[in-house]
């Protein structure tokens, strides 16, 4: 058996955390090693938890995702970041987050299979950006400042 993917779930709402936990419970290769729902908890978990990936809700109150990405690069550089976002999210913020080190994002209305695929893809060194948004997110990188 290969090592399990160690995942941190950082979501503002307990219901999201419970739903994600339930979805991943049957996946033998994925283990949730920490959960966080508040900005201070997210920062503490990043500093103290050995994990492969964090599913990071960009809407946690008082949490600056770019600051979190900077913290990840300084304190836990091997930790991959998968952003968890709403359907109508600001493209500019997504581009900035990807430039700051996020490996991709998944929409909050994604299905369970897509969540599982995205987790596995990022751990294998791939990026994960929904196809509908791929061109929009990367089209302006040459002029991005």
Foldseek 3Di string as FASTA:
>chain_A
DDAAAEEEEEAQDPVLVVVLCVLCVPPPRYDHPYYHNAQVRLLVCLQPPDGQEYAHECPRPPHHLLVSLVSCCVRPVNYAYEYEYAPPDDLVSQLSNVVSGHQEYDYPPDDSVLVVVQSVQVSVPHGDYPPVCVCVNPVCPVVDD
